[in-house]
N, C-alpha and C. Protein backbone atom coordinates (compact mmCIF):
# COMPACT_ATOMS: atom_id res chain seq x y z
N UNK A 1 -39.89 -38.49 -10.54
CA UNK A 1 -40.90 -37.69 -9.87
C UNK A 1 -40.22 -36.50 -9.19
N UNK A 2 -40.78 -35.32 -9.38
CA UNK A 2 -40.22 -34.09 -8.82
C UNK A 2 -40.63 -33.93 -7.37
N UNK A 3 -39.70 -33.43 -6.59
CA UNK A 3 -40.05 -33.13 -5.21
C UNK A 3 -40.71 -31.76 -5.16
N UNK A 4 -41.39 -31.47 -4.06
CA UNK A 4 -42.07 -30.19 -3.91
C UNK A 4 -41.08 -29.04 -3.94
N UNK A 5 -39.94 -29.22 -3.28
CA UNK A 5 -38.94 -28.16 -3.22
C UNK A 5 -38.41 -27.85 -4.61
N UNK A 6 -38.12 -28.88 -5.39
CA UNK A 6 -37.59 -28.65 -6.73
C UNK A 6 -38.67 -28.06 -7.64
N UNK A 7 -39.90 -28.48 -7.50
CA UNK A 7 -40.99 -28.00 -8.36
C UNK A 7 -41.30 -26.53 -8.10
N UNK A 8 -41.16 -26.07 -6.87
CA UNK A 8 -41.46 -24.67 -6.55
C UNK A 8 -40.31 -23.73 -6.86
N UNK A 9 -39.12 -24.26 -7.09
CA UNK A 9 -37.97 -23.43 -7.39
C UNK A 9 -37.28 -22.88 -6.15
N UNK A 10 -37.74 -23.27 -4.98
CA UNK A 10 -37.13 -22.77 -3.74
C UNK A 10 -35.67 -23.16 -3.65
N UNK A 11 -35.38 -24.40 -4.01
CA UNK A 11 -34.02 -24.89 -3.89
C UNK A 11 -33.08 -24.11 -4.79
N UNK A 12 -33.48 -23.83 -6.01
CA UNK A 12 -32.61 -23.09 -6.92
C UNK A 12 -32.50 -21.63 -6.49
N UNK A 13 -33.57 -21.03 -6.02
CA UNK A 13 -33.52 -19.65 -5.56
C UNK A 13 -32.60 -19.55 -4.35
N UNK A 14 -32.71 -20.51 -3.46
CA UNK A 14 -31.86 -20.52 -2.27
C UNK A 14 -30.39 -20.69 -2.67
N UNK A 15 -30.10 -21.58 -3.59
CA UNK A 15 -28.72 -21.78 -4.04
C UNK A 15 -28.19 -20.54 -4.73
N UNK A 16 -29.03 -19.87 -5.51
CA UNK A 16 -28.60 -18.65 -6.20
C UNK A 16 -28.29 -17.54 -5.19
N UNK A 17 -29.14 -17.38 -4.18
CA UNK A 17 -28.91 -16.36 -3.16
C UNK A 17 -27.64 -16.65 -2.37
N UNK A 18 -27.40 -17.92 -2.07
CA UNK A 18 -26.16 -18.30 -1.38
C UNK A 18 -24.94 -17.97 -2.22
N UNK A 19 -25.02 -18.26 -3.52
CA UNK A 19 -23.91 -17.97 -4.42
C UNK A 19 -23.66 -16.47 -4.52
N UNK A 20 -24.73 -15.68 -4.56
CA UNK A 20 -24.59 -14.22 -4.62
C UNK A 20 -23.96 -13.67 -3.35
N UNK A 21 -24.35 -14.20 -2.20
CA UNK A 21 -23.74 -13.76 -0.93
C UNK A 21 -22.25 -14.11 -0.91
N UNK A 22 -21.92 -15.30 -1.40
CA UNK A 22 -20.53 -15.72 -1.45
C UNK A 22 -19.72 -14.81 -2.38
N UNK A 23 -20.28 -14.49 -3.54
CA UNK A 23 -19.60 -13.59 -4.47
C UNK A 23 -19.41 -12.21 -3.85
N UNK A 24 -20.41 -11.72 -3.14
CA UNK A 24 -20.31 -10.41 -2.49
C UNK A 24 -19.17 -10.40 -1.49
N UNK A 25 -19.07 -11.45 -0.69
CA UNK A 25 -18.00 -11.53 0.31
C UNK A 25 -16.63 -11.59 -0.36
N UNK A 26 -16.52 -12.31 -1.47
CA UNK A 26 -15.25 -12.39 -2.19
C UNK A 26 -14.87 -11.03 -2.75
N UNK A 27 -15.82 -10.36 -3.41
CA UNK A 27 -15.54 -9.04 -3.96
C UNK A 27 -15.21 -8.03 -2.86
N UNK A 28 -15.89 -8.14 -1.72
CA UNK A 28 -15.61 -7.24 -0.61
C UNK A 28 -14.19 -7.48 -0.09
N UNK A 29 -13.81 -8.75 0.02
CA UNK A 29 -12.46 -9.09 0.49
C UNK A 29 -11.40 -8.57 -0.47
N UNK A 30 -11.71 -8.48 -1.75
CA UNK A 30 -10.77 -7.92 -2.72
C UNK A 30 -10.80 -6.40 -2.74
N UNK A 31 -11.98 -5.82 -2.57
CA UNK A 31 -12.13 -4.36 -2.67
C UNK A 31 -11.67 -3.64 -1.41
N UNK A 32 -11.78 -4.26 -0.25
CA UNK A 32 -11.43 -3.58 0.99
C UNK A 32 -9.95 -3.18 1.05
N UNK A 33 -9.01 -4.09 0.72
CA UNK A 33 -7.60 -3.66 0.76
C UNK A 33 -7.29 -2.55 -0.25
N UNK A 34 -7.95 -2.58 -1.40
CA UNK A 34 -7.76 -1.52 -2.38
C UNK A 34 -8.30 -0.20 -1.83
N UNK A 35 -9.47 -0.26 -1.21
CA UNK A 35 -10.04 0.93 -0.59
C UNK A 35 -9.19 1.42 0.57
N UNK A 36 -8.60 0.50 1.30
CA UNK A 36 -7.72 0.87 2.41
C UNK A 36 -6.49 1.60 1.87
N UNK A 37 -5.93 1.08 0.80
CA UNK A 37 -4.78 1.75 0.18
C UNK A 37 -5.15 3.14 -0.31
N UNK A 38 -6.31 3.26 -0.94
CA UNK A 38 -6.76 4.58 -1.42
C UNK A 38 -7.00 5.53 -0.26
N UNK A 39 -7.57 5.03 0.82
CA UNK A 39 -7.81 5.87 2.00
C UNK A 39 -6.49 6.33 2.62
N UNK A 40 -5.53 5.43 2.70
CA UNK A 40 -4.23 5.80 3.26
C UNK A 40 -3.53 6.84 2.39
N UNK A 41 -3.58 6.66 1.08
CA UNK A 41 -2.94 7.62 0.18
C UNK A 41 -3.64 8.97 0.27
N UNK A 42 -4.97 8.97 0.29
CA UNK A 42 -5.68 10.25 0.36
C UNK A 42 -5.39 10.97 1.68
N UNK A 43 -5.23 10.23 2.76
CA UNK A 43 -4.89 10.86 4.04
C UNK A 43 -3.44 11.35 4.04
N UNK A 44 -2.56 10.58 3.39
CA UNK A 44 -1.14 10.96 3.39
C UNK A 44 -0.91 12.25 2.61
N UNK A 45 -1.67 12.45 1.53
CA UNK A 45 -1.48 13.67 0.75
C UNK A 45 -2.39 14.80 1.23
N UNK A 46 -3.22 14.50 2.22
CA UNK A 46 -4.05 15.53 2.84
C UNK A 46 -5.33 15.85 2.10
N UNK A 47 -5.81 14.91 1.33
CA UNK A 47 -7.06 15.15 0.58
C UNK A 47 -8.15 14.19 1.03
N UNK A 48 -8.67 14.43 2.18
CA UNK A 48 -9.79 13.62 2.66
C UNK A 48 -11.06 14.21 2.09
N UNK A 49 -11.83 13.41 1.32
CA UNK A 49 -13.06 13.94 0.73
C UNK A 49 -14.05 14.39 1.80
N UNK A 50 -14.80 15.43 1.50
CA UNK A 50 -15.82 15.88 2.46
C UNK A 50 -16.86 14.79 2.61
N UNK A 51 -17.28 14.56 3.80
CA UNK A 51 -18.27 13.52 4.08
C UNK A 51 -17.65 12.16 4.31
N UNK A 52 -16.34 12.03 4.16
CA UNK A 52 -15.67 10.75 4.41
C UNK A 52 -15.60 10.50 5.91
N UNK A 53 -15.72 9.25 6.31
CA UNK A 53 -15.61 8.94 7.75
C UNK A 53 -14.25 9.37 8.30
N UNK A 54 -14.21 9.64 9.59
CA UNK A 54 -12.97 10.10 10.21
C UNK A 54 -11.94 8.98 10.32
N UNK A 55 -12.36 7.76 10.52
CA UNK A 55 -11.41 6.66 10.64
C UNK A 55 -11.00 6.15 9.25
N UNK A 56 -9.78 5.69 9.16
CA UNK A 56 -9.29 5.18 7.88
C UNK A 56 -10.02 3.89 7.52
N UNK A 57 -10.29 3.04 8.51
CA UNK A 57 -11.01 1.80 8.23
C UNK A 57 -12.44 2.08 7.79
N UNK A 58 -13.08 3.08 8.39
CA UNK A 58 -14.42 3.46 7.97
C UNK A 58 -14.44 3.99 6.55
N UNK A 59 -13.40 4.76 6.22
CA UNK A 59 -13.28 5.29 4.86
C UNK A 59 -13.08 4.14 3.86
N UNK A 60 -12.22 3.17 4.20
CA UNK A 60 -11.98 2.01 3.34
C UNK A 60 -13.26 1.18 3.17
N UNK A 61 -14.00 1.03 4.26
CA UNK A 61 -15.26 0.28 4.19
C UNK A 61 -16.26 0.98 3.29
N UNK A 62 -16.33 2.31 3.38
CA UNK A 62 -17.24 3.08 2.52
C UNK A 62 -16.83 2.97 1.05
N UNK A 63 -15.53 3.01 0.78
CA UNK A 63 -15.06 2.88 -0.60
C UNK A 63 -15.37 1.50 -1.16
N UNK A 64 -15.15 0.46 -0.36
CA UNK A 64 -15.45 -0.90 -0.81
C UNK A 64 -16.95 -1.07 -1.02
N UNK A 65 -17.74 -0.54 -0.13
CA UNK A 65 -19.20 -0.65 -0.26
C UNK A 65 -19.74 0.10 -1.46
N UNK A 66 -19.07 1.17 -1.87
CA UNK A 66 -19.51 1.93 -3.04
C UNK A 66 -19.05 1.27 -4.34
N UNK A 67 -17.98 0.51 -4.28
CA UNK A 67 -17.42 -0.11 -5.48
C UNK A 67 -18.14 -1.40 -5.85
N UNK A 68 -18.53 -2.18 -4.88
CA UNK A 68 -19.09 -3.51 -5.14
C UNK A 68 -20.36 -3.48 -5.97
N UNK A 69 -21.32 -2.57 -5.76
CA UNK A 69 -22.49 -2.58 -6.64
C UNK A 69 -22.14 -2.38 -8.12
N UNK A 70 -21.08 -1.66 -8.39
CA UNK A 70 -20.64 -1.48 -9.78
C UNK A 70 -20.24 -2.81 -10.41
N UNK A 71 -19.66 -3.70 -9.61
CA UNK A 71 -19.25 -5.01 -10.12
C UNK A 71 -20.45 -5.83 -10.51
N UNK A 72 -21.53 -5.76 -9.73
CA UNK A 72 -22.71 -6.57 -10.00
C UNK A 72 -23.59 -5.99 -11.10
N UNK A 73 -23.34 -4.75 -11.53
CA UNK A 73 -24.12 -4.17 -12.61
C UNK A 73 -23.79 -4.79 -13.96
N UNK A 74 -22.56 -5.24 -14.12
CA UNK A 74 -22.11 -5.76 -15.41
C UNK A 74 -22.55 -7.13 -15.62
């Protein structure tokens, strides 16, 4: 006999959303250091893109945030 939660799909939708949040955090944890390295290199050579945040951490966060949606498109 099926339970109400299983029959409505709530349990699977909830599990899928939890898995997606976990994947996002993992990809962010991987992308942030790469973005930090790119931000440090761009500052070291004097090429800060226009519109980039003034702080290096803010720039790294923006780079990681822009990269992660590309991962989920595939």
